[in-house]
Amino acid sequence: MSDNGKTKLVLRRVARLAKTSSLSINELRIVVALERIVARLETHKKLRDALVFKGGFLLLKALDSSVPVQFRP
């Protein structure tokens, strides 16, 4: 399967998942993109031993990316 075919397959599956999920299709696309970035970094020979993920940004995006973050002084 070509890269273009894989992309279309993933987008169709995300669209199908969005119909039954509480997340919008755009929110699901962000979650999938972030997951793929982390997966690629994890398999990189030099980076996998040097990176430390704190998870705040990814956690925010994965749990609820539609709620604005409010900082309190």
C-alpha atoms as a PDB file:
ATOM      1  CA  MET A   1       0.000   0.000   0.000  1.00  0.00           C
ATOM      2  CA  SER A   2       1.331   3.446  -0.901  1.00  0.00           C
ATOM      3  CA  ASP A   3       1.786   6.241   1.632  1.00  0.00           C
ATOM      4  CA  ASN A   4      -1.175   8.044   0.075  1.00  0.00           C
ATOM      5  CA  GLY A   5      -3.309   4.919   0.491  1.00  0.00           C
ATOM      6  CA  LYS A   6      -2.246   4.560   4.127  1.00  0.00           C
ATOM      7  CA  THR A   7      -3.085   8.198   4.796  1.00  0.00           C
ATOM      8  CA  LYS A   8      -6.556   7.821   3.308  1.00  0.00           C
ATOM      9  CA  LEU A   9      -7.139   4.643   5.324  1.00  0.00           C
ATOM     10  CA  VAL A  10      -6.138   6.344   8.585  1.00  0.00           C
ATOM     11  CA  LEU A  11      -8.337   9.370   7.830  1.00  0.00           C
ATOM     12  CA  ARG A  12     -11.339   7.114   7.093  1.00  0.00           C
ATOM     13  CA  ARG A  13     -10.816   5.259  10.363  1.00  0.00           C
ATOM     14  CA  VAL A  14     -10.489   8.506  12.309  1.00  0.00           C
ATOM     15  CA  ALA A  15     -13.699   9.810  10.693  1.00  0.00           C
ATOM     16  CA  ARG A  16     -15.496   6.589  11.625  1.00  0.00           C
ATOM     17  CA  LEU A  17     -14.198   6.824  15.200  1.00  0.00           C
ATOM     18  CA  ALA A  18     -15.303  10.480  15.440  1.00  0.00           C
ATOM     19  CA  LYS A  19     -18.905   9.409  14.863  1.00  0.00           C
ATOM     20  CA  THR A  20     -18.913   7.323  18.056  1.00  0.00           C
ATOM     21  CA  SER A  21     -16.499   9.435  20.119  1.00  0.00           C
ATOM     22  CA  SER A  22     -17.038  12.521  22.233  1.00  0.00           C
ATOM     23  CA  LEU A  23     -14.093  14.095  20.401  1.00  0.00           C
ATOM     24  CA  SER A  24     -14.374  15.930  17.104  1.00  0.00           C
ATOM     25  CA  ILE A  25     -12.551  14.681  14.024  1.00  0.00           C
ATOM     26  CA  ASN A  26      -9.979  17.481  14.390  1.00  0.00           C
ATOM     27  CA  GLU A  27      -9.310  16.571  18.020  1.00  0.00           C
ATOM     28  CA  LEU A  28      -8.866  12.930  17.043  1.00  0.00           C
ATOM     29  CA  ARG A  29      -6.491  13.923  14.246  1.00  0.00           C
ATOM     30  CA  ILE A  30      -4.379  15.851  16.787  1.00  0.00           C
ATOM     31  CA  VAL A  31      -4.289  12.837  19.111  1.00  0.00           C
ATOM     32  CA  VAL A  32      -3.238  10.532  16.252  1.00  0.00           C
ATOM     33  CA  ALA A  33      -0.568  12.978  15.059  1.00  0.00           C
ATOM     34  CA  LEU A  34       0.891  13.385  18.545  1.00  0.00           C
ATOM     35  CA  GLU A  35       0.863   9.642  19.061  1.00  0.00           C
ATOM     36  CA  ARG A  36       2.735   9.075  15.787  1.00  0.00           C
ATOM     37  CA  ILE A  37       5.323  11.747  16.650  1.00  0.00           C
ATOM     38  CA  VAL A  38       6.017  10.109  20.001  1.00  0.00           C
ATOM     39  CA  ALA A  39       6.189   6.661  18.366  1.00  0.00           C
ATOM     40  CA  ARG A  40       8.734   7.901  15.811  1.00  0.00           C
ATOM     41  CA  LEU A  41      10.871   9.611  18.438  1.00  0.00           C
ATOM     42  CA  GLU A  42      10.743   6.477  20.562  1.00  0.00           C
ATOM     43  CA  THR A  43      12.231   4.374  17.760  1.00  0.00           C
ATOM     44  CA  HIS A  44      14.975   6.877  16.839  1.00  0.00           C
ATOM     45  CA  LYS A  45      18.334   5.365  17.798  1.00  0.00           C
ATOM     46  CA  LYS A  46      19.924   8.498  19.251  1.00  0.00           C
ATOM     47  CA  LEU A  47      16.859  10.262  20.624  1.00  0.00           C
ATOM     48  CA  ARG A  48      15.111   7.421  22.451  1.00  0.00           C
ATOM     49  CA  ASP A  49      17.739   7.351  25.219  1.00  0.00           C
ATOM     50  CA  ALA A  50      18.053  11.133  25.548  1.00  0.00           C
ATOM     51  CA  LEU A  51      14.427  12.330  25.580  1.00  0.00           C
ATOM     52  CA  VAL A  52      12.315  12.748  28.668  1.00  0.00           C
ATOM     53  CA  PHE A  53       8.615  13.436  28.236  1.00  0.00           C
ATOM     54  CA  LYS A  54       6.953  15.304  31.049  1.00  0.00           C
ATOM     55  CA  GLY A  55       3.577  14.706  29.427  1.00  0.00           C
ATOM     56  CA  GLY A  56       1.790  17.928  30.321  1.00  0.00           C
ATOM     57  CA  PHE A  57       1.239  19.082  26.763  1.00  0.00           C
ATOM     58  CA  LEU A  58       0.439  15.632  25.442  1.00  0.00           C
ATOM     59  CA  LEU A  59      -1.868  14.935  28.363  1.00  0.00           C
ATOM     60  CA  LEU A  60      -3.730  18.197  27.765  1.00  0.00           C
ATOM     61  CA  LYS A  61      -4.159  17.380  24.091  1.00  0.00           C
ATOM     62  CA  ALA A  62      -5.172  13.794  24.715  1.00  0.00           C
ATOM     63  CA  LEU A  63      -7.695  14.497  27.460  1.00  0.00           C
ATOM     64  CA  ASP A  64      -9.421  17.681  26.385  1.00  0.00           C
ATOM     65  CA  SER A  65      -7.958  19.975  23.792  1.00  0.00           C
ATOM     66  CA  SER A  66     -11.104  22.120  23.592  1.00  0.00           C
ATOM     67  CA  VAL A  67     -10.862  23.549  27.107  1.00  0.00           C
ATOM     68  CA  PRO A  68      -8.718  26.692  27.336  1.00  0.00           C
ATOM     69  CA  VAL A  69      -5.935  26.580  29.876  1.00  0.00           C
ATOM     70  CA  GLN A  70      -6.213  29.150  32.643  1.00  0.00           C
ATOM     71  CA  PHE A  71      -3.115  30.114  34.587  1.00  0.00           C
ATOM     72  CA  ARG A  72      -3.551  31.508  38.074  1.00  0.00           C
ATOM     73  CA  PRO A  73      -0.811  33.687  39.580  1.00  0.00           C
END
